[in-house]
Amino acid sequence: MNGIEAQVGNRVDIIRLDLMSGIGRQAARAYDVRMVPATLLFDSQGEIVDRQMGMPETDRVMAIFELSA
């Protein structure tokens, strides 16, 4: 995600959760995260528009970001 963060700057909010923390475990259950790393992309209404398990695919994330801009 670091490369993606550098590309998008402050145009999006990126939130990292520690799945060992209480809030991280709650989020994992709520969004059915079964492995880490996991990347979930949400639209402005809070709906999941993409879900990736494993290392995020930068091109895919950037394409989705550009479509929603």
PDB file of N, CA and C in Angstrom:
ATOM      1  N   MET A   1       0.813  -1.199   0.000  1.00  0.00           N
ATOM      2  CA  MET A   1       0.000   0.000   0.000  1.00  0.00           C
ATOM      3  C   MET A   1       0.854   1.259   0.000  1.00  0.00           C
ATOM      4  N   ASN A   2       2.093   1.176   0.418  1.00  0.00           N
ATOM      5  CA  ASN A   2       2.911   2.382   0.485  1.00  0.00           C
ATOM      6  C   ASN A   2       3.046   3.050  -0.876  1.00  0.00           C
ATOM      7  N   GLY A   3       3.256   2.268  -1.936  1.00  0.00           N
ATOM      8  CA  GLY A   3       3.361   2.836  -3.275  1.00  0.00           C
ATOM      9  C   GLY A   3       2.064   3.477  -3.717  1.00  0.00           C
ATOM     10  N   ILE A   4       0.960   2.861  -3.374  1.00  0.00           N
ATOM     11  CA  ILE A   4      -0.356   3.414  -3.719  1.00  0.00           C
ATOM     12  C   ILE A   4      -0.577   4.716  -2.950  1.00  0.00           C
ATOM     13  N   GLU A   5      -0.230   4.723  -1.678  1.00  0.00           N
ATOM     14  CA  GLU A   5      -0.378   5.940  -0.875  1.00  0.00           C
ATOM     15  C   GLU A   5       0.418   7.088  -1.487  1.00  0.00           C
ATOM     16  N   ALA A   6       1.614   6.807  -1.950  1.00  0.00           N
ATOM     17  CA  ALA A   6       2.442   7.849  -2.552  1.00  0.00           C
ATOM     18  C   ALA A   6       1.800   8.396  -3.823  1.00  0.00           C
ATOM     19  N   GLN A   7       1.129   7.529  -4.591  1.00  0.00           N
ATOM     20  CA  GLN A   7       0.511   7.954  -5.840  1.00  0.00           C
ATOM     21  C   GLN A   7      -0.762   8.763  -5.631  1.00  0.00           C
ATOM     22  N   VAL A   8      -1.559   8.419  -4.646  1.00  0.00           N
ATOM     23  CA  VAL A   8      -2.847   9.096  -4.465  1.00  0.00           C
ATOM     24  C   VAL A   8      -2.780  10.263  -3.495  1.00  0.00           C
ATOM     25  N   GLY A   9      -1.711  10.339  -2.729  1.00  0.00           N
ATOM     26  CA  GLY A   9      -1.572  11.451  -1.787  1.00  0.00           C
ATOM     27  C   GLY A   9      -2.730  11.506  -0.827  1.00  0.00           C
ATOM     28  N   ASN A  10      -3.285  12.691  -0.651  1.00  0.00           N
ATOM     29  CA  ASN A  10      -4.384  12.856   0.300  1.00  0.00           C
ATOM     30  C   ASN A  10      -5.745  12.868  -0.391  1.00  0.00           C
ATOM     31  N   ARG A  11      -5.819  12.335  -1.617  1.00  0.00           N
ATOM     32  CA  ARG A  11      -7.098  12.309  -2.343  1.00  0.00           C
ATOM     33  C   ARG A  11      -8.029  11.213  -1.848  1.00  0.00           C
ATOM     34  N   VAL A  12      -7.516  10.249  -1.106  1.00  0.00           N
ATOM     35  CA  VAL A  12      -8.338   9.184  -0.533  1.00  0.00           C
ATOM     36  C   VAL A  12      -7.897   8.953   0.907  1.00  0.00           C
ATOM     37  N   ASP A  13      -8.758   8.331   1.676  1.00  0.00           N
ATOM     38  CA  ASP A  13      -8.408   7.956   3.045  1.00  0.00           C
ATOM     39  C   ASP A  13      -7.958   6.510   3.035  1.00  0.00           C
ATOM     40  N   ILE A  14      -6.786   6.261   3.568  1.00  0.00           N
ATOM     41  CA  ILE A  14      -6.278   4.893   3.691  1.00  0.00           C
ATOM     42  C   ILE A  14      -6.205   4.581   5.172  1.00  0.00           C
ATOM     43  N   ILE A  15      -6.864   3.514   5.556  1.00  0.00           N
ATOM     44  CA  ILE A  15      -6.922   3.111   6.955  1.00  0.00           C
ATOM     45  C   ILE A  15      -6.291   1.734   7.079  1.00  0.00           C
ATOM     46  N   ARG A  16      -5.349   1.617   7.969  1.00  0.00           N
ATOM     47  CA  ARG A  16      -4.708   0.324   8.236  1.00  0.00           C
ATOM     48  C   ARG A  16      -5.192  -0.158   9.599  1.00  0.00           C
ATOM     49  N   LEU A  17      -5.566  -1.417   9.635  1.00  0.00           N
ATOM     50  CA  LEU A  17      -6.029  -1.984  10.906  1.00  0.00           C
ATOM     51  C   LEU A  17      -5.147  -3.157  11.298  1.00  0.00           C
ATOM     52  N   ASP A  18      -4.825  -3.220  12.558  1.00  0.00           N
ATOM     53  CA  ASP A  18      -4.110  -4.354  13.128  1.00  0.00           C
ATOM     54  C   ASP A  18      -5.162  -5.390  13.512  1.00  0.00           C
ATOM     55  N   LEU A  19      -5.159  -6.516  12.831  1.00  0.00           N
ATOM     56  CA  LEU A  19      -6.185  -7.527  13.095  1.00  0.00           C
ATOM     57  C   LEU A  19      -6.025  -8.213  14.440  1.00  0.00           C
ATOM     58  N   MET A  20      -4.972  -7.879  15.151  1.00  0.00           N
ATOM     59  CA  MET A  20      -4.813  -8.410  16.501  1.00  0.00           C
ATOM     60  C   MET A  20      -5.465  -7.491  17.528  1.00  0.00           C
ATOM     61  N   SER A  21      -5.857  -6.292  17.108  1.00  0.00           N
ATOM     62  CA  SER A  21      -6.527  -5.369  18.033  1.00  0.00           C
ATOM     63  C   SER A  21      -8.020  -5.661  18.044  1.00  0.00           C
ATOM     64  N   GLY A  22      -8.698  -5.141  19.030  1.00  0.00           N
ATOM     65  CA  GLY A  22     -10.142  -5.361  19.143  1.00  0.00           C
ATOM     66  C   GLY A  22     -10.893  -4.836  17.929  1.00  0.00           C
ATOM     67  N   ILE A  23     -10.615  -3.599  17.531  1.00  0.00           N
ATOM     68  CA  ILE A  23     -11.305  -3.019  16.380  1.00  0.00           C
ATOM     69  C   ILE A  23     -10.928  -3.757  15.093  1.00  0.00           C
ATOM     70  N   GLY A  24      -9.695  -4.205  15.009  1.00  0.00           N
ATOM     71  CA  GLY A  24      -9.259  -4.969  13.835  1.00  0.00           C
ATOM     72  C   GLY A  24     -10.005  -6.288  13.717  1.00  0.00           C
ATOM     73  N   ARG A  25     -10.189  -6.979  14.834  1.00  0.00           N
ATOM     74  CA  ARG A  25     -10.940  -8.243  14.814  1.00  0.00           C
ATOM     75  C   ARG A  25     -12.392  -8.003  14.451  1.00  0.00           C
ATOM     76  N   GLN A  26     -12.970  -6.925  14.962  1.00  0.00           N
ATOM     77  CA  GLN A  26     -14.365  -6.596  14.620  1.00  0.00           C
ATOM     78  C   GLN A  26     -14.498  -6.321  13.125  1.00  0.00           C
ATOM     79  N   ALA A  27     -13.582  -5.557  12.587  1.00  0.00           N
ATOM     80  CA  ALA A  27     -13.622  -5.237  11.154  1.00  0.00           C
ATOM     81  C   ALA A  27     -13.437  -6.503  10.313  1.00  0.00           C
ATOM     82  N   ALA A  28     -12.526  -7.373  10.729  1.00  0.00           N
ATOM     83  CA  ALA A  28     -12.288  -8.615   9.990  1.00  0.00           C
ATOM     84  C   ALA A  28     -13.552  -9.462   9.939  1.00  0.00           C
ATOM     85  N   ARG A  29     -14.257  -9.551  11.057  1.00  0.00           N
ATOM     86  CA  ARG A  29     -15.514 -10.308  11.072  1.00  0.00           C
ATOM     87  C   ARG A  29     -16.571  -9.622  10.212  1.00  0.00           C
ATOM     88  N   ALA A  30     -16.689  -8.322  10.342  1.00  0.00           N
ATOM     89  CA  ALA A  30     -17.722  -7.581   9.614  1.00  0.00           C
ATOM     90  C   ALA A  30     -17.534  -7.660   8.103  1.00  0.00           C
ATOM     91  N   TYR A  31     -16.270  -7.686   7.666  1.00  0.00           N
ATOM     92  CA  TYR A  31     -15.988  -7.673   6.232  1.00  0.00           C
ATOM     93  C   TYR A  31     -15.454  -9.004   5.720  1.00  0.00           C
ATOM     94  N   ASP A  32     -15.574 -10.049   6.526  1.00  0.00           N
ATOM     95  CA  ASP A  32     -15.202 -11.408   6.137  1.00  0.00           C
ATOM     96  C   ASP A  32     -13.759 -11.505   5.639  1.00  0.00           C
ATOM     97  N   VAL A  33     -12.842 -10.878   6.367  1.00  0.00           N
ATOM     98  CA  VAL A  33     -11.422 -10.960   6.041  1.00  0.00           C
ATOM     99  C   VAL A  33     -10.890 -12.246   6.643  1.00  0.00           C
ATOM    100  N   ARG A  34     -10.356 -13.112   5.787  1.00  0.00           N
ATOM    101  CA  ARG A  34      -9.890 -14.423   6.248  1.00  0.00           C
ATOM    102  C   ARG A  34      -8.391 -14.602   6.151  1.00  0.00           C
ATOM    103  N   MET A  35      -7.700 -13.665   5.504  1.00  0.00           N
ATOM    104  CA  MET A  35      -6.243 -13.735   5.429  1.00  0.00           C
ATOM    105  C   MET A  35      -5.681 -12.323   5.354  1.00  0.00           C
ATOM    106  N   VAL A  36      -4.427 -12.201   5.685  1.00  0.00           N
ATOM    107  CA  VAL A  36      -3.755 -10.908   5.602  1.00  0.00           C
ATOM    108  C   VAL A  36      -2.509 -11.049   4.738  1.00  0.00           C
ATOM    109  N   PRO A  37      -2.131 -10.016   4.053  1.00  0.00           N
ATOM    110  CA  PRO A  37      -2.836  -8.745   4.009  1.00  0.00           C
ATOM    111  C   PRO A  37      -4.123  -8.842   3.199  1.00  0.00           C
ATOM    112  N   ALA A  38      -5.037  -7.960   3.502  1.00  0.00           N
ATOM    113  CA  ALA A  38      -6.289  -7.846   2.756  1.00  0.00           C
ATOM    114  C   ALA A  38      -6.505  -6.371   2.448  1.00  0.00           C
ATOM    115  N   THR A  39      -6.976  -6.101   1.252  1.00  0.00           N
ATOM    116  CA  THR A  39      -7.256  -4.731   0.835  1.00  0.00           C
ATOM    117  C   THR A  39      -8.709  -4.650   0.427  1.00  0.00           C
ATOM    118  N   LEU A  40      -9.445  -3.764   1.066  1.00  0.00           N
ATOM    119  CA  LEU A  40     -10.842  -3.531   0.711  1.00  0.00           C
ATOM    120  C   LEU A  40     -10.965  -2.078   0.282  1.00  0.00           C
ATOM    121  N   LEU A  41     -11.584  -1.857  -0.861  1.00  0.00           N
ATOM    122  CA  LEU A  41     -11.800  -0.508  -1.360  1.00  0.00           C
ATOM    123  C   LEU A  41     -13.286  -0.191  -1.259  1.00  0.00           C
ATOM    124  N   PHE A  42     -13.584   0.960  -0.704  1.00  0.00           N
ATOM    125  CA  PHE A  42     -14.958   1.394  -0.494  1.00  0.00           C
ATOM    126  C   PHE A  42     -15.240   2.629  -1.336  1.00  0.00           C
ATOM    127  N   ASP A  43     -16.478   2.744  -1.800  1.00  0.00           N
ATOM    128  CA  ASP A  43     -16.870   3.963  -2.499  1.00  0.00           C
ATOM    129  C   ASP A  43     -17.302   5.004  -1.472  1.00  0.00           C
ATOM    130  N   SER A  44     -17.738   6.158  -1.943  1.00  0.00           N
ATOM    131  CA  SER A  44     -18.087   7.247  -1.030  1.00  0.00           C
ATOM    132  C   SER A  44     -19.330   6.952  -0.193  1.00  0.00           C
ATOM    133  N   GLN A  45     -20.102   5.920  -0.579  1.00  0.00           N
ATOM    134  CA  GLN A  45     -21.266   5.528   0.213  1.00  0.00           C
ATOM    135  C   GLN A  45     -20.946   4.403   1.193  1.00  0.00           C
ATOM    136  N   GLY A  46     -19.687   3.980   1.240  1.00  0.00           N
ATOM    137  CA  GLY A  46     -19.289   2.937   2.167  1.00  0.00           C
ATOM    138  C   GLY A  46     -19.485   1.527   1.647  1.00  0.00           C
ATOM    139  N   GLU A  47     -19.770   1.379   0.361  1.00  0.00           N
ATOM    140  CA  GLU A  47     -19.944   0.058  -0.247  1.00  0.00           C
ATOM    141  C   GLU A  47     -18.598  -0.460  -0.742  1.00  0.00           C
ATOM    142  N   ILE A  48     -18.351  -1.754  -0.562  1.00  0.00           N
ATOM    143  CA  ILE A  48     -17.110  -2.355  -1.051  1.00  0.00           C
ATOM    144  C   ILE A  48     -17.170  -2.434  -2.572  1.00  0.00           C
ATOM    145  N   VAL A  49     -16.148  -1.864  -3.230  1.00  0.00           N
ATOM    146  CA  VAL A  49     -16.079  -1.917  -4.688  1.00  0.00           C
ATOM    147  C   VAL A  49     -14.987  -2.862  -5.174  1.00  0.00           C
ATOM    148  N   ASP A  50     -14.093  -3.263  -4.273  1.00  0.00           N
ATOM    149  CA  ASP A  50     -13.062  -4.241  -4.631  1.00  0.00           C
ATOM    150  C   ASP A  50     -12.524  -4.869  -3.358  1.00  0.00           C
ATOM    151  N   ARG A  51     -12.122  -6.115  -3.490  1.00  0.00           N
ATOM    152  CA  ARG A  51     -11.564  -6.869  -2.364  1.00  0.00           C
ATOM    153  C   ARG A  51     -10.398  -7.685  -2.912  1.00  0.00           C
ATOM    154  N   GLN A  52      -9.246  -7.538  -2.281  1.00  0.00           N
ATOM    155  CA  GLN A  52      -8.069  -8.293  -2.691  1.00  0.00           C
ATOM    156  C   GLN A  52      -7.452  -8.951  -1.465  1.00  0.00           C
ATOM    157  N   MET A  53      -7.148 -10.218  -1.594  1.00  0.00           N
ATOM    158  CA  MET A  53      -6.454 -10.934  -0.530  1.00  0.00           C
ATOM    159  C   MET A  53      -5.014 -11.122  -0.997  1.00  0.00           C
ATOM    160  N   GLY A  54      -4.084 -10.931  -0.097  1.00  0.00           N
ATOM    161  CA  GLY A  54      -2.676 -10.950  -0.478  1.00  0.00           C
ATOM    162  C   GLY A  54      -2.225  -9.532  -0.780  1.00  0.00           C
ATOM    163  N   MET A  55      -1.049  -9.402  -1.332  1.00  0.00           N
ATOM    164  CA  MET A  55      -0.530  -8.073  -1.646  1.00  0.00           C
ATOM    165  C   MET A  55      -1.421  -7.406  -2.681  1.00  0.00           C
ATOM    166  N   PRO A  56      -1.759  -6.134  -2.469  1.00  0.00           N
ATOM    167  CA  PRO A  56      -2.651  -5.458  -3.411  1.00  0.00           C
ATOM    168  C   PRO A  56      -1.987  -5.246  -4.765  1.00  0.00           C
ATOM    169  N   GLU A  57      -2.785  -5.359  -5.815  1.00  0.00           N
ATOM    170  CA  GLU A  57      -2.316  -5.112  -7.172  1.00  0.00           C
ATOM    171  C   GLU A  57      -2.446  -3.614  -7.437  1.00  0.00           C
ATOM    172  N   THR A  58      -1.321  -2.939  -7.494  1.00  0.00           N
ATOM    173  CA  THR A  58      -1.317  -1.484  -7.626  1.00  0.00           C
ATOM    174  C   THR A  58      -2.105  -1.015  -8.838  1.00  0.00           C
ATOM    175  N   ASP A  59      -1.895  -1.629 -10.001  1.00  0.00           N
ATOM    176  CA  ASP A  59      -2.596  -1.198 -11.213  1.00  0.00           C
ATOM    177  C   ASP A  59      -4.109  -1.328 -11.050  1.00  0.00           C
ATOM    178  N   ARG A  60      -4.532  -2.407 -10.444  1.00  0.00           N
ATOM    179  CA  ARG A  60      -5.970  -2.638 -10.233  1.00  0.00           C
ATOM    180  C   ARG A  60      -6.550  -1.588  -9.290  1.00  0.00           C
ATOM    181  N   VAL A  61      -5.851  -1.332  -8.184  1.00  0.00           N
ATOM    182  CA  VAL A  61      -6.317  -0.337  -7.220  1.00  0.00           C
ATOM    183  C   VAL A  61      -6.384   1.033  -7.875  1.00  0.00           C
ATOM    184  N   MET A  62      -5.339   1.399  -8.620  1.00  0.00           N
ATOM    185  CA  MET A  62      -5.309   2.713  -9.262  1.00  0.00           C
ATOM    186  C   MET A  62      -6.404   2.844 -10.315  1.00  0.00           C
ATOM    187  N   ALA A  63      -6.689   1.786 -11.056  1.00  0.00           N
ATOM    188  CA  ALA A  63      -7.758   1.821 -12.062  1.00  0.00           C
ATOM    189  C   ALA A  63      -9.108   2.068 -11.395  1.00  0.00           C
ATOM    190  N   ILE A  64      -9.350   1.402 -10.286  1.00  0.00           N
ATOM    191  CA  ILE A  64     -10.611   1.590  -9.564  1.00  0.00           C
ATOM    192  C   ILE A  64     -10.681   3.011  -9.012  1.00  0.00           C
ATOM    193  N   PHE A  65      -9.573   3.488  -8.492  1.00  0.00           N
ATOM    194  CA  PHE A  65      -9.533   4.847  -7.964  1.00  0.00           C
ATOM    195  C   PHE A  65      -9.832   5.860  -9.075  1.00  0.00           C
ATOM    196  N   GLU A  66      -9.231   5.685 -10.225  1.00  0.00           N
ATOM    197  CA  GLU A  66      -9.453   6.619 -11.336  1.00  0.00           C
ATOM    198  C   GLU A  66     -10.900   6.571 -11.828  1.00  0.00           C
ATOM    199  N   LEU A  67     -11.515   5.396 -11.830  1.00  0.00           N
ATOM    200  CA  LEU A  67     -12.912   5.274 -12.259  1.00  0.00           C
ATOM    201  C   LEU A  67     -13.846   6.011 -11.315  1.00  0.00           C
ATOM    202  N   SER A  68     -13.511   6.035 -10.049  1.00  0.00           N
ATOM    203  CA  SER A  68     -14.399   6.664  -9.074  1.00  0.00           C
ATOM    204  C   SER A  68     -14.117   8.135  -8.872  1.00  0.00           C
ATOM    205  N   ALA A  69     -13.056   8.646  -9.473  1.00  0.00           N
ATOM    206  CA  ALA A  69     -12.698  10.067  -9.285  1.00  0.00           C
ATOM    207  C   ALA A  69     -13.614  10.982 -10.084  1.00  0.00           C
TER     208      ALA A  69
END
